[in-house]
Structure formats: C-alpha cells, structure tokens
Amino acid sequence: MCIRFTTKGEILYAFVLGTPQTDSLTIKTLTRGRSEFPKPVARVELVGQEGAIAFVQDERGLTIRLPQRSPSDYPFCFRIR
C-alpha cells in the first residue's frame, strides 16, 4: 500500500493509494516522537466523513481504524492533526 503526504498549515494529509484489505491501516512513518512529525497526533479524520476516527500512535506507527467503505469513489484521505 502506498501512502502520499501533503501539508497545509499544521495539518498533515495522508492519501492512501490502493484499497486496504483490512479494517485498520498503520502508517509506519508516523511513529510517536519521530523527528519529521514530532508532535503527538491529537485527531484523525477521514475527509468526506463527519467526526473523528479511532487511532493509536505508538512505536509501530499511527494505526487508524478504517470505515467499512470509503465515503467516495476516491482514495482514502486522512486529515491528521
């Protein structure tokens, strides 16, 4: 699975290229305390869906619980704060 990132201000956007085959996704580059993104993640949202999504950030990365289906025909895009 390929993930691409972009930022706007303090927000990091993660685009998932491909269809996840499980109910969660771990972004290994977002481990807690990593120098490229040193602040802990406070909130994860799926663009196109209301509300926050459950997640855990630890030494393995940022693990996001995925909805059963994407809210659109486009790739999953997560807003990470």
PDB file of N, CA and C in Angstrom:
ATOM      1  N   MET A   1       0.854  -1.161   0.000  1.00  0.00           N
ATOM      2  CA  MET A   1       0.000   0.000   0.000  1.00  0.00           C
ATOM      3  C   MET A   1       0.905   1.230   0.000  1.00  0.00           C
ATOM      4  N   CYS A   2       0.616   2.146  -0.843  1.00  0.00           N
ATOM      5  CA  CYS A   2       1.398   3.368  -0.984  1.00  0.00           C
ATOM      6  C   CYS A   2       0.621   4.530  -0.347  1.00  0.00           C
ATOM      7  N   ILE A   3       1.336   5.340   0.425  1.00  0.00           N
ATOM      8  CA  ILE A   3       0.721   6.495   1.070  1.00  0.00           C
ATOM      9  C   ILE A   3       1.520   7.730   0.691  1.00  0.00           C
ATOM     10  N   ARG A   4       0.819   8.768   0.294  1.00  0.00           N
ATOM     11  CA  ARG A   4       1.450  10.049  -0.061  1.00  0.00           C
ATOM     12  C   ARG A   4       0.950  11.102   0.918  1.00  0.00           C
ATOM     13  N   PHE A   5       1.827  12.059   1.219  1.00  0.00           N
ATOM     14  CA  PHE A   5       1.521  13.086   2.208  1.00  0.00           C
ATOM     15  C   PHE A   5       1.609  14.482   1.617  1.00  0.00           C
ATOM     16  N   THR A   6       0.839  15.384   2.200  1.00  0.00           N
ATOM     17  CA  THR A   6       0.945  16.810   1.923  1.00  0.00           C
ATOM     18  C   THR A   6       0.520  17.529   3.205  1.00  0.00           C
ATOM     19  N   THR A   7       0.889  18.794   3.305  1.00  0.00           N
ATOM     20  CA  THR A   7       0.515  19.563   4.489  1.00  0.00           C
ATOM     21  C   THR A   7      -0.135  20.869   4.078  1.00  0.00           C
ATOM     22  N   LYS A   8      -0.917  21.393   4.997  1.00  0.00           N
ATOM     23  CA  LYS A   8      -1.475  22.734   4.872  1.00  0.00           C
ATOM     24  C   LYS A   8      -1.514  23.289   6.284  1.00  0.00           C
ATOM     25  N   GLY A   9      -0.628  24.242   6.552  1.00  0.00           N
ATOM     26  CA  GLY A   9      -0.508  24.760   7.907  1.00  0.00           C
ATOM     27  C   GLY A   9      -0.038  23.665   8.841  1.00  0.00           C
ATOM     28  N   GLU A  10      -0.766  23.462   9.925  1.00  0.00           N
ATOM     29  CA  GLU A  10      -0.420  22.445  10.927  1.00  0.00           C
ATOM     30  C   GLU A  10      -1.040  21.074  10.634  1.00  0.00           C
ATOM     31  N   ILE A  11      -1.772  20.961   9.537  1.00  0.00           N
ATOM     32  CA  ILE A  11      -2.485  19.720   9.231  1.00  0.00           C
ATOM     33  C   ILE A  11      -1.696  18.888   8.233  1.00  0.00           C
ATOM     34  N   LEU A  12      -1.582  17.598   8.517  1.00  0.00           N
ATOM     35  CA  LEU A  12      -0.954  16.643   7.621  1.00  0.00           C
ATOM     36  C   LEU A  12      -2.063  15.841   6.948  1.00  0.00           C
ATOM     37  N   TYR A  13      -2.005  15.720   5.640  1.00  0.00           N
ATOM     38  CA  TYR A  13      -2.961  14.911   4.889  1.00  0.00           C
ATOM     39  C   TYR A  13      -2.246  13.664   4.391  1.00  0.00           C
ATOM     40  N   ALA A  14      -2.863  12.503   4.562  1.00  0.00           N
ATOM     41  CA  ALA A  14      -2.315  11.238   4.094  1.00  0.00           C
ATOM     42  C   ALA A  14      -3.289  10.623   3.097  1.00  0.00           C
ATOM     43  N   PHE A  15      -2.821  10.427   1.875  1.00  0.00           N
ATOM     44  CA  PHE A  15      -3.627   9.828   0.810  1.00  0.00           C
ATOM     45  C   PHE A  15      -3.218   8.373   0.658  1.00  0.00           C
ATOM     46  N   VAL A  16      -4.172   7.466   0.771  1.00  0.00           N
ATOM     47  CA  VAL A  16      -3.900   6.035   0.661  1.00  0.00           C
ATOM     48  C   VAL A  16      -4.192   5.613  -0.766  1.00  0.00           C
ATOM     49  N   LEU A  17      -3.157   5.213  -1.484  1.00  0.00           N
ATOM     50  CA  LEU A  17      -3.304   4.797  -2.873  1.00  0.00           C
ATOM     51  C   LEU A  17      -3.457   3.283  -2.907  1.00  0.00           C
ATOM     52  N   GLY A  18      -4.641   2.841  -3.183  1.00  0.00           N
ATOM     53  CA  GLY A  18      -4.960   1.423  -3.154  1.00  0.00           C
ATOM     54  C   GLY A  18      -6.099   1.192  -2.181  1.00  0.00           C
ATOM     55  N   THR A  19      -6.664   0.010  -2.224  1.00  0.00           N
ATOM     56  CA  THR A  19      -7.783  -0.330  -1.359  1.00  0.00           C
ATOM     57  C   THR A  19      -7.291  -1.191  -0.207  1.00  0.00           C
ATOM     58  N   PRO A  20      -7.395  -0.701   1.019  1.00  0.00           N
ATOM     59  CA  PRO A  20      -6.978  -1.514   2.166  1.00  0.00           C
ATOM     60  C   PRO A  20      -7.805  -2.791   2.253  1.00  0.00           C
ATOM     61  N   GLN A  21      -7.151  -3.886   2.614  1.00  0.00           N
ATOM     62  CA  GLN A  21      -7.820  -5.183   2.685  1.00  0.00           C
ATOM     63  C   GLN A  21      -8.191  -5.578   4.112  1.00  0.00           C
ATOM     64  N   THR A  22      -7.865  -4.712   5.083  1.00  0.00           N
ATOM     65  CA  THR A  22      -8.169  -4.997   6.484  1.00  0.00           C
ATOM     66  C   THR A  22      -8.971  -3.840   7.073  1.00  0.00           C
ATOM     67  N   ASP A  23      -9.323  -3.968   8.342  1.00  0.00           N
ATOM     68  CA  ASP A  23     -10.123  -2.925   8.985  1.00  0.00           C
ATOM     69  C   ASP A  23      -9.280  -1.847   9.659  1.00  0.00           C
ATOM     70  N   SER A  24      -7.956  -1.932   9.482  1.00  0.00           N
ATOM     71  CA  SER A  24      -7.081  -0.893  10.027  1.00  0.00           C
ATOM     72  C   SER A  24      -5.901  -0.673   9.090  1.00  0.00           C
ATOM     73  N   LEU A  25      -5.263   0.465   9.268  1.00  0.00           N
ATOM     74  CA  LEU A  25      -4.121   0.846   8.441  1.00  0.00           C
ATOM     75  C   LEU A  25      -3.065   1.428   9.362  1.00  0.00           C
ATOM     76  N   THR A  26      -1.818   0.959   9.258  1.00  0.00           N
ATOM     77  CA  THR A  26      -0.735   1.508  10.061  1.00  0.00           C
ATOM     78  C   THR A  26       0.202   2.297   9.164  1.00  0.00           C
ATOM     79  N   ILE A  27       0.377   3.561   9.502  1.00  0.00           N
ATOM     80  CA  ILE A  27       1.320   4.424   8.794  1.00  0.00           C
ATOM     81  C   ILE A  27       2.603   4.407   9.620  1.00  0.00           C
ATOM     82  N   LYS A  28       3.564   3.607   9.186  1.00  0.00           N
ATOM     83  CA  LYS A  28       4.783   3.370   9.955  1.00  0.00           C
ATOM     84  C   LYS A  28       5.652   4.613  10.102  1.00  0.00           C
ATOM     85  N   THR A  29       5.564   5.534   9.164  1.00  0.00           N
ATOM     86  CA  THR A  29       6.390   6.744   9.239  1.00  0.00           C
ATOM     87  C   THR A  29       5.901   7.736  10.290  1.00  0.00           C
ATOM     88  N   LEU A  30       4.760   7.475  10.898  1.00  0.00           N
ATOM     89  CA  LEU A  30       4.225   8.387  11.915  1.00  0.00           C
ATOM     90  C   LEU A  30       4.315   7.788  13.315  1.00  0.00           C
ATOM     91  N   THR A  31       5.460   7.160  13.618  1.00  0.00           N
ATOM     92  CA  THR A  31       5.676   6.660  14.972  1.00  0.00           C
ATOM     93  C   THR A  31       5.726   7.835  15.938  1.00  0.00           C
ATOM     94  N   ARG A  32       5.376   7.592  17.171  1.00  0.00           N
ATOM     95  CA  ARG A  32       5.374   8.646  18.200  1.00  0.00           C
ATOM     96  C   ARG A  32       6.791   9.185  18.378  1.00  0.00           C
ATOM     97  N   GLY A  33       6.914  10.532  18.332  1.00  0.00           N
ATOM     98  CA  GLY A  33       8.194  11.192  18.584  1.00  0.00           C
ATOM     99  C   GLY A  33       9.142  11.270  17.404  1.00  0.00           C
ATOM    100  N   ARG A  34       8.727  10.857  16.244  1.00  0.00           N
ATOM    101  CA  ARG A  34       9.601  10.901  15.062  1.00  0.00           C
ATOM    102  C   ARG A  34       9.936  12.352  14.722  1.00  0.00           C
ATOM    103  N   SER A  35      11.168  12.619  14.320  1.00  0.00           N
ATOM    104  CA  SER A  35      11.634  13.992  14.118  1.00  0.00           C
ATOM    105  C   SER A  35      10.880  14.732  13.012  1.00  0.00           C
ATOM    106  N   GLU A  36      10.412  14.035  11.983  1.00  0.00           N
ATOM    107  CA  GLU A  36       9.688  14.686  10.892  1.00  0.00           C
ATOM    108  C   GLU A  36       8.293  15.143  11.308  1.00  0.00           C
ATOM    109  N   PHE A  37       7.737  14.518  12.315  1.00  0.00           N
ATOM    110  CA  PHE A  37       6.398  14.857  12.805  1.00  0.00           C
ATOM    111  C   PHE A  37       6.419  14.666  14.316  1.00  0.00           C
ATOM    112  N   PRO A  38       7.126  15.555  15.031  1.00  0.00           N
ATOM    113  CA  PRO A  38       7.406  15.331  16.456  1.00  0.00           C
ATOM    114  C   PRO A  38       6.205  15.446  17.397  1.00  0.00           C
ATOM    115  N   LYS A  39       5.198  16.200  17.033  1.00  0.00           N
ATOM    116  CA  LYS A  39       4.040  16.357  17.919  1.00  0.00           C
ATOM    117  C   LYS A  39       3.198  15.081  17.910  1.00  0.00           C
ATOM    118  N   PRO A  40       2.635  14.710  19.060  1.00  0.00           N
ATOM    119  CA  PRO A  40       1.743  13.550  19.053  1.00  0.00           C
ATOM    120  C   PRO A  40       0.461  13.866  18.279  1.00  0.00           C
ATOM    121  N   VAL A  41      -0.077  12.862  17.634  1.00  0.00           N
ATOM    122  CA  VAL A  41      -1.323  13.032  16.890  1.00  0.00           C
ATOM    123  C   VAL A  41      -2.466  13.197  17.887  1.00  0.00           C
ATOM    124  N   ALA A  42      -3.273  14.235  17.683  1.00  0.00           N
ATOM    125  CA  ALA A  42      -4.394  14.512  18.581  1.00  0.00           C
ATOM    126  C   ALA A  42      -5.731  14.085  17.978  1.00  0.00           C
ATOM    127  N   ARG A  43      -5.816  14.079  16.642  1.00  0.00           N
ATOM    128  CA  ARG A  43      -7.101  13.789  15.993  1.00  0.00           C
ATOM    129  C   ARG A  43      -6.842  13.300  14.571  1.00  0.00           C
ATOM    130  N   VAL A  44      -7.632  12.325  14.136  1.00  0.00           N
ATOM    131  CA  VAL A  44      -7.600  11.820  12.764  1.00  0.00           C
ATOM    132  C   VAL A  44      -9.018  11.844  12.233  1.00  0.00           C
ATOM    133  N   GLU A  45      -9.181  12.408  11.033  1.00  0.00           N
ATOM    134  CA  GLU A  45     -10.487  12.465  10.381  1.00  0.00           C
ATOM    135  C   GLU A  45     -10.360  11.921   8.967  1.00  0.00           C
ATOM    136  N   LEU A  46     -11.389  11.303   8.477  1.00  0.00           N
ATOM    137  CA  LEU A  46     -11.449  10.865   7.094  1.00  0.00           C
ATOM    138  C   LEU A  46     -12.148  11.952   6.305  1.00  0.00           C
ATOM    139  N   VAL A  47     -11.474  12.507   5.321  1.00  0.00           N
ATOM    140  CA  VAL A  47     -12.067  13.566   4.502  1.00  0.00           C
ATOM    141  C   VAL A  47     -13.305  12.997   3.808  1.00  0.00           C
ATOM    142  N   GLY A  48     -14.423  13.710   3.923  1.00  0.00           N
ATOM    143  CA  GLY A  48     -15.678  13.274   3.340  1.00  0.00           C
ATOM    144  C   GLY A  48     -16.605  12.590   4.329  1.00  0.00           C
ATOM    145  N   GLN A  49     -16.133  12.425   5.566  1.00  0.00           N
ATOM    146  CA  GLN A  49     -16.938  11.793   6.608  1.00  0.00           C
ATOM    147  C   GLN A  49     -16.899  12.683   7.842  1.00  0.00           C
ATOM    148  N   GLU A  50     -18.011  12.805   8.535  1.00  0.00           N
ATOM    149  CA  GLU A  50     -18.097  13.637   9.729  1.00  0.00           C
ATOM    150  C   GLU A  50     -17.440  12.942  10.919  1.00  0.00           C
ATOM    151  N   GLY A  51     -16.791  13.730  11.756  1.00  0.00           N
ATOM    152  CA  GLY A  51     -16.267  13.227  13.020  1.00  0.00           C
ATOM    153  C   GLY A  51     -14.889  12.614  12.937  1.00  0.00           C
ATOM    154  N   ALA A  52     -14.367  12.312  14.114  1.00  0.00           N
ATOM    155  CA  ALA A  52     -13.030  11.730  14.229  1.00  0.00           C
ATOM    156  C   ALA A  52     -13.077  10.219  14.054  1.00  0.00           C
ATOM    157  N   ILE A  53     -11.909   9.657  13.776  1.00  0.00           N
ATOM    158  CA  ILE A  53     -11.751   8.216  13.604  1.00  0.00           C
ATOM    159  C   ILE A  53     -10.855   7.704  14.726  1.00  0.00           C
ATOM    160  N   ALA A  54     -11.113   6.491  15.204  1.00  0.00           N
ATOM    161  CA  ALA A  54     -10.288   5.886  16.249  1.00  0.00           C
ATOM    162  C   ALA A  54      -8.886   5.610  15.713  1.00  0.00           C
ATOM    163  N   PHE A  55      -7.888   5.885  16.556  1.00  0.00           N
ATOM    164  CA  PHE A  55      -6.499   5.649  16.167  1.00  0.00           C
ATOM    165  C   PHE A  55      -5.649   5.396  17.398  1.00  0.00           C
ATOM    166  N   VAL A  56      -4.460   4.846  17.173  1.00  0.00           N
ATOM    167  CA  VAL A  56      -3.447   4.656  18.211  1.00  0.00           C
ATOM    168  C   VAL A  56      -2.114   5.036  17.592  1.00  0.00           C
ATOM    169  N   GLN A  57      -1.328   5.839  18.297  1.00  0.00           N
ATOM    170  CA  GLN A  57       0.012   6.188  17.839  1.00  0.00           C
ATOM    171  C   GLN A  57       1.002   5.632  18.854  1.00  0.00           C
ATOM    172  N   ASP A  58       1.886   4.761  18.385  1.00  0.00           N
ATOM    173  CA  ASP A  58       2.876   4.161  19.267  1.00  0.00           C
ATOM    174  C   ASP A  58       4.171   3.933  18.499  1.00  0.00           C
ATOM    175  N   GLU A  59       5.030   3.047  19.012  1.00  0.00           N
ATOM    176  CA  GLU A  59       6.331   2.810  18.386  1.00  0.00           C
ATOM    177  C   GLU A  59       6.229   2.077  17.048  1.00  0.00           C
ATOM    178  N   ARG A  60       5.067   1.526  16.736  1.00  0.00           N
ATOM    179  CA  ARG A  60       4.869   0.860  15.438  1.00  0.00           C
ATOM    180  C   ARG A  60       4.392   1.824  14.360  1.00  0.00           C
ATOM    181  N   GLY A  61       3.825   2.958  14.770  1.00  0.00           N
ATOM    182  CA  GLY A  61       3.311   3.935  13.817  1.00  0.00           C
ATOM    183  C   GLY A  61       1.952   4.440  14.249  1.00  0.00           C
ATOM    184  N   LEU A  62       1.251   5.039  13.307  1.00  0.00           N
ATOM    185  CA  LEU A  62      -0.104   5.533  13.536  1.00  0.00           C
ATOM    186  C   LEU A  62      -1.065   4.510  12.938  1.00  0.00           C
ATOM    187  N   THR A  63      -1.815   3.829  13.798  1.00  0.00           N
ATOM    188  CA  THR A  63      -2.772   2.822  13.336  1.00  0.00           C
ATOM    189  C   THR A  63      -4.163   3.431  13.376  1.00  0.00           C
ATOM    190  N   ILE A  64      -4.811   3.447  12.218  1.00  0.00           N
ATOM    191  CA  ILE A  64      -6.120   4.064  12.043  1.00  0.00           C
ATOM    192  C   ILE A  64      -7.152   2.978  11.776  1.00  0.00           C
ATOM    193  N   ARG A  65      -8.271   3.037  12.489  1.00  0.00           N
ATOM    194  CA  ARG A  65      -9.381   2.111  12.221  1.00  0.00           C
ATOM    195  C   ARG A  65     -10.137   2.643  10.999  1.00  0.00           C
ATOM    196  N   LEU A  66     -10.309   1.798  10.016  1.00  0.00           N
ATOM    197  CA  LEU A  66     -10.947   2.198   8.764  1.00  0.00           C
ATOM    198  C   LEU A  66     -12.448   1.937   8.792  1.00  0.00           C
ATOM    199  N   PRO A  67     -13.211   2.804   8.110  1.00  0.00           N
ATOM    200  CA  PRO A  67     -14.644   2.519   7.955  1.00  0.00           C
ATOM    201  C   PRO A  67     -14.816   1.336   7.009  1.00  0.00           C
ATOM    202  N   GLN A  68     -15.998   0.750   6.993  1.00  0.00           N
ATOM    203  CA  GLN A  68     -16.235  -0.419   6.146  1.00  0.00           C
ATOM    204  C   GLN A  68     -16.094  -0.103   4.668  1.00  0.00           C
ATOM    205  N   ARG A  69     -16.404   1.145   4.301  1.00  0.00           N
ATOM    206  CA  ARG A  69     -16.227   1.559   2.904  1.00  0.00           C
ATOM    207  C   ARG A  69     -15.893   3.029   2.852  1.00  0.00           C
ATOM    208  N   SER A  70     -15.253   3.418   1.775  1.00  0.00           N
ATOM    209  CA  SER A  70     -14.862   4.812   1.589  1.00  0.00           C
ATOM    210  C   SER A  70     -16.101   5.670   1.383  1.00  0.00           C
ATOM    211  N   PRO A  71     -16.077   6.918   1.876  1.00  0.00           N
ATOM    212  CA  PRO A  71     -17.237   7.794   1.678  1.00  0.00           C
ATOM    213  C   PRO A  71     -17.355   8.310   0.241  1.00  0.00           C
ATOM    214  N   SER A  72     -16.396   7.964  -0.615  1.00  0.00           N
ATOM    215  CA  SER A  72     -16.445   8.407  -2.012  1.00  0.00           C
ATOM    216  C   SER A  72     -15.742   7.382  -2.893  1.00  0.00           C
ATOM    217  N   ASP A  73     -15.706   7.656  -4.185  1.00  0.00           N
ATOM    218  CA  ASP A  73     -15.015   6.772  -5.128  1.00  0.00           C
ATOM    219  C   ASP A  73     -13.521   7.070  -5.194  1.00  0.00           C
ATOM    220  N   TYR A  74     -13.068   8.047  -4.454  1.00  0.00           N
ATOM    221  CA  TYR A  74     -11.672   8.463  -4.459  1.00  0.00           C
ATOM    222  C   TYR A  74     -10.890   7.733  -3.375  1.00  0.00           C
ATOM    223  N   PRO A  75      -9.565   7.786  -3.434  1.00  0.00           N
ATOM    224  CA  PRO A  75      -8.765   7.143  -2.374  1.00  0.00           C
ATOM    225  C   PRO A  75      -9.068   7.720  -1.003  1.00  0.00           C
ATOM    226  N   PHE A  76      -8.821   6.917   0.038  1.00  0.00           N
ATOM    227  CA  PHE A  76      -8.946   7.418   1.400  1.00  0.00           C
ATOM    228  C   PHE A  76      -7.985   8.586   1.579  1.00  0.00           C
ATOM    229  N   CYS A  77      -8.470   9.655   2.203  1.00  0.00           N
ATOM    230  CA  CYS A  77      -7.632  10.800   2.536  1.00  0.00           C
ATOM    231  C   CYS A  77      -7.892  11.131   4.003  1.00  0.00           C
ATOM    232  N   PHE A  78      -6.830  11.071   4.807  1.00  0.00           N
ATOM    233  CA  PHE A  78      -6.947  11.339   6.237  1.00  0.00           C
ATOM    234  C   PHE A  78      -6.384  12.699   6.589  1.00  0.00           C
ATOM    235  N   ARG A  79      -7.107  13.432   7.412  1.00  0.00           N
ATOM    236  CA  ARG A  79      -6.661  14.729   7.943  1.00  0.00           C
ATOM    237  C   ARG A  79      -6.119  14.429   9.339  1.00  0.00           C
ATOM    238  N   ILE A  80      -4.824  14.662   9.522  1.00  0.00           N
ATOM    239  CA  ILE A  80      -4.144  14.307  10.771  1.00  0.00           C
ATOM    240  C   ILE A  80      -3.720  15.575  11.462  1.00  0.00           C
ATOM    241  N   ARG A  81      -4.154  15.761  12.703  1.00  0.00           N
ATOM    242  CA  ARG A  81      -3.816  16.960  13.481  1.00  0.00           C
ATOM    243  C   ARG A  81      -2.969  16.599  14.676  1.00  0.00           C
TER     244      ARG A  81
END
